[in-house]
């Protein structure tokens, strides 16, 4: 059993990319590792479908109704935006993957650095597994409930409640009737939702896996600073400190590049997720029992996804705040004045906080996650208060 588990784990890891092994395997599985023209076909079809939904909404007599519906499933449609940005920023992603791979493979040869890399490798792959299982599980639960209700209604009532047929809002008008109208439609829905969720997962897994890998590299750098002066040669001490500082500059450059890739999508997700959670909570009272459970699961999933980002963004911030202290943890007290001066200079210049941003105003940290929860609750209470006021008047 252990050998079987080891072989399965080995299949889903890439030794060339230690801490991002599973994320890279997932990229290869969905055909987004070495892009060819054929790999653009499915995203292009999804894009055409999404644009047709928007055009239909604009020419519909119920623009507000369909706009709210489209917004409520906006986190699914974000998969298309995430894919577009992945294609656009592919060179940056590849540079990041290759840099992280090169650093981690080198560090696995160092006795005192290998445990850190191995720990973050195990953690990163475990988190990715958990995320993929939870994400696809949530999709199956929500879409499965919707699909089951569509089948029950078409087989018993011979028409569909628009609430269910507009779950992913392709081109719905009135309650659909007849198997030949409904079943082809929900097959298209299934394909659209499956590929959209897959592309969502690709971007989510890449972002968080690189966050975890960057946190690992910062901890490795801290350990390098602590051991930089563990030698009697002043020349080697100087060289070790310079090497550490160059590594710090590389980390700054890579983190800035990743932040530019992630920030726009994280900002859109912050807006859509927080408002959507409020809308879903507000609509729970009017839903049937099965839909109510599915909606509650969806709210939890949105919360978990936000936490998934913001917790690991906070890890990078936390690790970056410890670098300056790590410089002083080195054995600098009895060293030469030149080395002590260099230690002081480096300690004062490596104290920059490394923060990912969700747009121009929000930091990807646990503090921001708590603020998202507060905004969601406040927006929900505002809608409830407004509804009560309208009904009272």
Protein backbone atom coordinates (compact mmCIF):
# COMPACT_ATOMS: atom_id res chain seq x y z
CA UNK A 1 0.00 0.00 0.00
CA UNK A 2 2.81 2.39 0.87
CA UNK A 3 4.57 1.69 -2.44
CA UNK A 4 1.30 2.26 -4.33
CA UNK A 5 0.73 5.57 -2.52
CA UNK A 6 4.33 6.57 -3.26
CA UNK A 7 3.93 5.73 -6.95
CA UNK A 8 0.70 7.76 -7.16
CA UNK A 9 2.37 10.69 -5.40
CA UNK A 10 5.36 10.45 -7.75
CA UNK A 11 3.05 10.48 -10.79
CA UNK A 12 1.43 13.72 -9.63
CA UNK A 13 4.69 15.52 -8.89
CA UNK A 14 7.37 16.93 -11.13
CA UNK A 15 10.91 16.57 -9.71
CA UNK A 16 12.07 19.54 -11.78
CA UNK A 17 9.72 21.83 -9.82
CA UNK A 18 9.78 20.60 -6.20
CA UNK A 19 7.35 22.88 -4.37
CA UNK A 20 5.13 23.42 -7.43
CA UNK A 21 5.16 19.83 -8.69
CA UNK A 22 1.43 19.18 -8.51
CA UNK A 23 0.56 22.60 -9.92
CA UNK A 24 2.81 21.96 -12.94
CA UNK A 25 1.32 18.47 -13.45
CA UNK A 26 -2.16 20.04 -13.36
CA UNK A 27 -1.07 22.55 -16.00
CA UNK A 28 0.22 19.75 -18.21
CA UNK A 29 -2.98 17.72 -17.70
CA UNK A 30 -5.24 20.52 -18.93
CA UNK A 31 -2.90 21.33 -21.84
CA UNK A 32 -1.64 24.71 -20.63
CA UNK A 33 2.03 23.94 -20.11
CA UNK A 34 3.45 24.13 -23.64
CA UNK A 35 0.86 26.13 -25.49
CA UNK A 36 -0.03 25.36 -29.08
CA UNK A 37 -2.77 26.84 -31.24
CA UNK A 38 -5.11 23.98 -30.46
CA UNK A 39 -5.01 24.93 -26.77
CA UNK A 40 -6.71 28.23 -27.57
CA UNK A 41 -9.83 26.58 -29.03
CA UNK A 42 -11.68 25.85 -25.79
CA UNK A 43 -10.99 29.26 -24.17
CA UNK A 44 -12.07 30.92 -27.42
CA UNK A 45 -15.36 28.97 -27.46
CA UNK A 46 -15.97 29.87 -23.81
CA UNK A 47 -15.26 33.52 -24.59
CA UNK A 48 -17.75 33.52 -27.48
CA UNK A 49 -20.34 31.92 -25.20
CA UNK A 50 -19.77 34.52 -22.47
CA UNK A 51 -19.97 37.41 -24.95
CA UNK A 52 -23.23 36.02 -26.35
CA UNK A 53 -24.64 36.02 -22.82
CA UNK A 54 -23.72 39.68 -22.38
CA UNK A 55 -25.19 40.62 -25.77
CA UNK A 56 -28.35 38.69 -24.97
CA UNK A 57 -28.63 40.53 -21.67
CA UNK A 58 -28.22 43.94 -23.32
CA UNK A 59 -31.00 43.28 -25.83
CA UNK A 60 -33.29 41.58 -23.33
CA UNK A 61 -36.32 43.40 -21.92
CA UNK A 62 -35.21 42.16 -18.46
CA UNK A 63 -31.72 43.66 -18.39
CA UNK A 64 -31.58 44.15 -14.60
CA UNK A 65 -32.77 40.60 -13.90
CA UNK A 66 -30.21 38.98 -16.19
CA UNK A 67 -27.46 41.34 -15.07
CA UNK A 68 -27.97 40.28 -11.44
CA UNK A 69 -27.99 36.65 -12.54
CA UNK A 70 -24.80 37.14 -14.54
CA UNK A 71 -23.17 38.92 -11.60
CA UNK A 72 -24.16 36.18 -9.18
CA UNK A 73 -22.23 33.65 -11.28
CA UNK A 74 -19.44 36.13 -11.93
CA UNK A 75 -16.86 34.12 -10.02
CA UNK A 76 -17.35 31.32 -12.61
CA UNK A 77 -16.87 33.73 -15.52
CA UNK A 78 -13.68 35.01 -13.90
CA UNK A 79 -12.10 31.79 -15.20
CA UNK A 80 -12.08 33.33 -18.68
CA UNK A 81 -10.36 36.50 -17.46
CA UNK A 82 -7.87 34.41 -15.52
CA UNK A 83 -7.08 32.38 -18.63
CA UNK A 84 -6.67 35.49 -20.76
CA UNK A 85 -4.20 36.91 -18.23
CA UNK A 86 -2.41 33.55 -18.02
CA UNK A 87 -1.89 33.52 -21.79
CA UNK A 88 -0.83 37.17 -21.78
CA UNK A 89 1.60 36.75 -18.88
CA UNK A 90 2.89 33.30 -19.85
CA UNK A 91 6.54 34.47 -20.22
CA UNK A 92 6.45 35.90 -16.68
CA UNK A 93 4.96 32.69 -15.31
CA UNK A 94 7.63 30.59 -17.03
CA UNK A 95 10.42 32.84 -15.74
CA UNK A 96 9.02 32.45 -12.24
CA UNK A 97 8.67 28.66 -12.51
CA UNK A 98 12.22 28.29 -13.83
CA UNK A 99 13.72 30.59 -11.19
CA UNK A 100 11.96 28.81 -8.34
CA UNK A 101 12.96 25.44 -9.77
CA UNK A 102 16.61 26.45 -10.10
CA UNK A 103 16.75 27.80 -6.56
CA UNK A 104 15.00 24.82 -4.95
CA UNK A 105 17.08 22.21 -6.79
CA UNK A 106 20.25 23.98 -5.65
CA UNK A 107 18.99 24.25 -2.09
CA UNK A 108 18.15 20.56 -1.92
CA UNK A 109 21.88 19.94 -2.25
CA UNK A 110 22.56 22.03 0.88
CA UNK A 111 22.24 20.05 4.09
CA UNK A 112 20.90 22.93 6.18
CA UNK A 113 18.52 24.24 3.47
CA UNK A 114 17.03 20.97 2.26
CA UNK A 115 14.67 20.51 5.27
CA UNK A 116 13.12 23.94 4.60
CA UNK A 117 12.58 23.23 0.90
CA UNK A 118 11.19 19.77 1.63
CA UNK A 119 8.80 21.17 4.23
CA UNK A 120 7.40 23.80 1.86
CA UNK A 121 7.28 21.26 -0.96
CA UNK A 122 5.15 18.90 1.12
CA UNK A 123 2.96 21.73 2.35
CA UNK A 124 2.48 23.25 -1.12
CA UNK A 125 1.50 19.98 -2.77
CA UNK A 126 -0.83 19.07 0.13
CA UNK A 127 -2.58 22.44 -0.09
CA UNK A 128 -2.96 22.06 -3.86
CA UNK A 129 -4.48 18.59 -3.47
CA UNK A 130 -6.90 19.86 -0.83
CA UNK A 131 -7.89 22.83 -2.96
CA UNK A 132 -8.55 20.81 -6.12
CA UNK A 133 -10.64 18.25 -4.25
CA UNK A 134 -12.64 20.92 -2.41
CA UNK A 135 -13.12 23.06 -5.53
CA UNK A 136 -14.30 20.29 -7.82
CA UNK A 137 -16.37 18.86 -4.96
CA UNK A 138 -18.16 22.20 -4.54
CA UNK A 139 -18.77 22.40 -8.28
CA UNK A 140 -20.19 18.87 -8.40
CA UNK A 141 -22.44 19.58 -5.40
CA UNK A 142 -23.81 22.86 -6.79
CA UNK A 143 -24.10 21.84 -10.40
CA UNK A 144 -25.29 18.35 -9.43
CA UNK A 145 -28.17 19.77 -7.38
CA UNK A 146 -29.10 22.07 -10.24
CA UNK A 147 -28.84 19.29 -12.83
CA UNK A 148 -30.90 16.89 -10.72
CA UNK A 149 -33.69 19.43 -10.28
CA UNK A 150 -33.74 20.12 -14.03
CA UNK A 151 -34.12 16.40 -14.78
CA UNK A 152 -36.83 15.96 -12.12
CA UNK A 153 -38.82 18.91 -13.42
CA UNK A 154 -38.60 18.01 -17.10
CA UNK A 155 -39.61 14.42 -16.40
CA UNK A 156 -42.48 15.28 -14.04
CA UNK A 157 -43.68 18.78 -15.02
CA UNK A 158 -42.32 18.79 -18.61
CA UNK A 159 -41.02 22.33 -18.11
CA UNK A 160 -38.23 23.97 -16.11
CA UNK A 161 -38.23 26.59 -13.40
CA UNK A 162 -36.13 29.44 -14.90
CA UNK A 163 -34.18 29.58 -11.62
CA UNK A 164 -32.52 26.28 -12.50
CA UNK A 165 -32.08 26.69 -16.23
CA UNK A 166 -30.42 30.09 -15.69
CA UNK A 167 -27.91 28.65 -13.23
CA UNK A 168 -25.03 29.43 -15.62
CA UNK A 169 -27.10 31.83 -17.81
CA UNK A 170 -26.29 30.86 -21.36
CA UNK A 171 -29.27 32.15 -23.39
CA UNK A 172 -32.44 31.53 -21.32
CA UNK A 173 -35.76 33.23 -21.98
CA UNK A 174 -38.86 31.52 -20.68
CA UNK A 175 -39.30 28.13 -18.94
CA UNK A 176 -37.89 25.56 -21.37
CA UNK A 177 -40.09 22.64 -22.44
CA UNK A 178 -39.34 19.34 -24.15
CA UNK A 179 -36.40 17.02 -23.68
CA UNK A 180 -34.79 17.97 -26.98
CA UNK A 181 -34.70 21.60 -25.90
CA UNK A 182 -33.59 21.07 -22.32
CA UNK A 183 -31.04 18.26 -22.38
CA UNK A 184 -28.78 19.67 -25.15
CA UNK A 185 -28.90 22.96 -23.28
CA UNK A 186 -27.76 21.49 -19.97
CA UNK A 187 -25.00 19.52 -21.76
CA UNK A 188 -23.65 22.83 -23.04
CA UNK A 189 -24.01 24.22 -19.53
CA UNK A 190 -22.07 21.28 -18.14
CA UNK A 191 -19.18 21.74 -20.58
CA UNK A 192 -19.12 25.49 -20.06
CA UNK A 193 -19.11 25.21 -16.28
CA UNK A 194 -16.56 22.37 -16.19
CA UNK A 195 -13.97 24.15 -18.30
CA UNK A 196 -14.60 27.47 -16.58
CA UNK A 197 -14.08 25.90 -13.15
CA UNK A 198 -10.96 24.13 -14.45
CA UNK A 199 -9.45 27.40 -15.65
CA UNK A 200 -10.38 29.01 -12.34
CA UNK A 201 -8.48 26.25 -10.57
CA UNK A 202 -5.46 26.64 -12.83
CA UNK A 203 -5.05 30.29 -11.91
CA UNK A 204 -5.86 29.76 -8.22
CA UNK A 205 -3.41 26.89 -7.90
CA UNK A 206 -0.65 28.78 -9.71
CA UNK A 207 -1.07 31.91 -7.61
CA UNK A 208 -1.13 30.19 -4.24
CA UNK A 209 1.57 27.66 -5.15
CA UNK A 210 3.92 30.49 -6.08
CA UNK A 211 2.99 32.33 -2.87
CA UNK A 212 3.93 29.23 -0.86
CA UNK A 213 7.14 28.78 -2.85
CA UNK A 214 8.05 32.44 -2.33
CA UNK A 215 7.44 32.12 1.42
CA UNK A 216 9.79 29.12 1.35
CA UNK A 217 12.46 31.09 -0.50
CA UNK A 218 12.24 33.92 2.03
CA UNK A 219 12.66 31.45 4.91
CA UNK A 220 15.63 29.92 3.07
CA UNK A 221 17.14 33.40 2.71
CA UNK A 222 16.71 34.01 6.44
CA UNK A 223 18.60 30.80 7.16
CA UNK A 224 21.34 31.82 4.70
CA UNK A 225 21.75 35.14 6.52
CA UNK A 226 21.97 33.37 9.89
CA UNK A 227 24.78 31.13 8.61
CA UNK A 228 26.55 33.69 6.41
CA UNK A 229 29.27 34.37 9.01
CA UNK A 230 29.84 30.78 10.14
CA UNK A 231 33.36 30.76 8.71
CA UNK A 232 36.74 32.09 9.78
CA UNK A 233 37.58 33.64 6.41
CA UNK A 234 36.63 37.30 6.25
CA UNK A 235 36.63 37.16 2.46
CA UNK A 236 34.17 34.29 2.52
CA UNK A 237 32.02 36.09 5.10
CA UNK A 238 31.86 39.11 2.80
CA UNK A 239 31.05 36.91 -0.20
CA UNK A 240 28.28 35.10 1.71
CA UNK A 241 26.63 38.36 2.73
CA UNK A 242 26.76 39.69 -0.83
CA UNK A 243 25.28 36.41 -2.11
CA UNK A 244 22.44 36.72 0.39
CA UNK A 245 21.76 40.29 -0.64
CA UNK A 246 21.68 39.35 -4.33
CA UNK A 247 19.21 36.61 -3.50
CA UNK A 248 17.09 39.17 -1.67
CA UNK A 249 17.10 41.37 -4.78
CA UNK A 250 15.99 38.38 -6.88
CA UNK A 251 13.14 37.69 -4.46
CA UNK A 252 12.03 41.34 -4.60
CA UNK A 253 12.03 41.26 -8.40
CA UNK A 254 10.12 37.97 -8.61
CA UNK A 255 7.54 39.01 -6.01
CA UNK A 256 6.93 42.31 -7.82
CA UNK A 257 6.45 40.46 -11.10
CA UNK A 258 3.99 38.01 -9.53
CA UNK A 259 2.10 40.84 -7.87
CA UNK A 260 1.59 42.58 -11.23
CA UNK A 261 0.17 39.33 -12.65
CA UNK A 262 -2.19 38.56 -9.76
CA UNK A 263 -3.35 41.99 -8.57
CA UNK A 264 -6.04 42.79 -11.21
CA UNK A 265 -7.76 39.41 -10.88
CA UNK A 266 -7.62 39.46 -7.08
CA UNK A 267 -9.24 42.89 -7.10
CA UNK A 268 -12.11 41.72 -9.33
CA UNK A 269 -12.53 38.62 -7.21
CA UNK A 270 -12.63 40.71 -4.01
CA UNK A 271 -15.50 42.80 -5.35
CA UNK A 272 -17.49 39.97 -6.92
CA UNK A 273 -17.03 37.51 -4.04
CA UNK A 274 -17.91 39.91 -1.23
CA UNK A 275 -21.07 41.20 -2.95
CA UNK A 276 -22.04 37.73 -4.12
CA UNK A 277 -21.81 36.29 -0.64
CA UNK A 278 -24.17 39.01 0.55
CA UNK A 279 -26.62 38.37 -2.31
CA UNK A 280 -26.62 34.63 -1.66
CA UNK A 281 -27.18 35.08 2.07
CA UNK A 282 -29.98 37.55 1.34
CA UNK A 283 -31.74 35.12 -1.03
CA UNK A 284 -31.56 32.07 1.28
CA UNK A 285 -34.98 32.71 2.83
CA UNK A 286 -36.72 32.43 -0.56
CA UNK A 287 -34.98 29.25 -1.75
CA UNK A 288 -36.12 25.66 -1.61
CA UNK A 289 -34.37 23.34 0.82
CA UNK A 290 -32.04 21.74 -1.75
CA UNK A 291 -31.14 25.08 -3.31
CA UNK A 292 -30.65 26.58 0.14
CA UNK A 293 -28.09 23.91 1.03
CA UNK A 294 -26.31 24.36 -2.30
CA UNK A 295 -26.20 28.13 -1.79
CA UNK A 296 -24.83 27.73 1.73
CA UNK A 297 -22.11 25.45 0.36
CA UNK A 298 -21.33 28.07 -2.28
CA UNK A 299 -20.95 30.82 0.33
CA UNK A 300 -18.60 28.61 2.34
CA UNK A 301 -16.63 27.87 -0.85
CA UNK A 302 -16.26 31.58 -1.61
CA UNK A 303 -15.08 32.18 1.95
CA UNK A 304 -12.57 29.35 1.69
CA UNK A 305 -11.29 30.61 -1.66
CA UNK A 306 -10.74 34.09 -0.24
CA UNK A 307 -9.00 32.62 2.80
CA UNK A 308 -6.93 30.39 0.49
CA UNK A 309 -5.47 33.50 -1.14
CA UNK A 310 -5.22 35.83 1.81
CA UNK A 311 -3.72 33.37 4.29
CA UNK A 312 -0.84 32.47 1.97
CA UNK A 313 -0.34 36.08 0.96
CA UNK A 314 0.00 36.81 4.67
CA UNK A 315 2.62 34.05 4.96
CA UNK A 316 4.84 35.91 2.49
CA UNK A 317 4.39 39.13 4.47
CA UNK A 318 5.20 37.36 7.75
CA UNK A 319 8.33 35.72 6.37
CA UNK A 320 9.57 38.99 4.84
CA UNK A 321 9.34 40.73 8.21
CA UNK A 322 11.77 38.22 9.72
CA UNK A 323 14.64 38.73 7.23
CA UNK A 324 16.08 41.79 8.96
CA UNK A 325 16.13 39.99 12.32
CA UNK A 326 17.77 36.97 10.67
CA UNK A 327 20.72 39.16 9.63
CA UNK A 328 21.35 40.01 13.29
CA UNK A 329 20.96 36.36 14.23
CA UNK A 330 24.26 35.71 12.47
CA UNK A 331 27.49 35.49 14.46
CA UNK A 332 28.48 39.12 13.83
CA UNK A 333 29.50 40.34 17.31
CA UNK A 334 33.18 39.35 17.20
CA UNK A 335 33.71 40.02 13.49
CA UNK A 336 35.77 42.81 11.94
CA UNK A 337 34.45 46.40 11.80
CA UNK A 338 33.97 46.07 8.03
CA UNK A 339 31.80 42.97 8.39
CA UNK A 340 29.80 44.49 11.26
CA UNK A 341 29.19 47.59 9.20
CA UNK A 342 28.01 45.47 6.27
CA UNK A 343 25.69 43.54 8.60
CA UNK A 344 24.21 46.82 9.84
CA UNK A 345 23.69 48.12 6.30
CA UNK A 346 22.06 44.91 5.15
CA UNK A 347 19.81 44.66 8.18
CA UNK A 348 18.50 48.15 7.50
CA UNK A 349 17.96 47.53 3.77
CA UNK A 350 16.27 44.12 3.82
CA UNK A 351 13.40 45.23 6.06
CA UNK A 352 10.95 45.82 3.23
CA UNK A 353 7.56 44.15 3.62
CA UNK A 354 6.67 41.94 0.67
CA UNK A 355 2.94 42.28 0.11
CA UNK A 356 0.65 41.08 -2.66
CA UNK A 357 -2.11 43.51 -3.61
CA UNK A 358 -5.70 43.09 -4.70
CA UNK A 359 -5.95 46.24 -6.76
CA UNK A 360 -4.48 49.57 -5.68
CA UNK A 361 -5.94 49.67 -2.16
CA UNK A 362 -6.09 46.18 -0.67
CA UNK A 363 -3.30 44.00 0.66
CA UNK A 364 -3.61 40.22 0.37
CA UNK A 365 -3.37 39.51 4.09
CA UNK A 366 -5.51 38.00 6.83
CA UNK A 367 -6.46 41.53 7.93
CA UNK A 368 -8.01 42.19 4.53
CA UNK A 369 -9.83 38.84 4.67
CA UNK A 370 -11.44 39.89 7.95
CA UNK A 371 -12.46 43.17 6.32
CA UNK A 372 -14.06 41.24 3.43
CA UNK A 373 -16.13 39.27 5.93
CA UNK A 374 -17.17 42.51 7.66
CA UNK A 375 -18.14 44.13 4.33
CA UNK A 376 -20.16 41.05 3.38
CA UNK A 377 -22.08 41.11 6.65
CA UNK A 378 -22.62 44.89 6.46
CA UNK A 379 -23.91 44.67 2.88
CA UNK A 380 -26.21 41.81 3.85
CA UNK A 381 -27.62 43.78 6.80
CA UNK A 382 -28.10 46.83 4.56
CA UNK A 383 -30.14 44.80 2.06
CA UNK A 384 -32.22 43.30 4.86
CA UNK A 385 -32.87 46.74 6.40
CA UNK A 386 -33.81 48.21 3.00
CA UNK A 387 -36.20 45.35 2.30
CA UNK A 388 -37.89 45.72 5.70
CA UNK A 389 -38.24 49.47 5.18
CA UNK A 390 -39.82 48.99 1.75
CA UNK A 391 -42.26 46.38 3.06
CA UNK A 392 -43.17 48.59 6.01
CA UNK A 393 -43.92 51.57 3.84
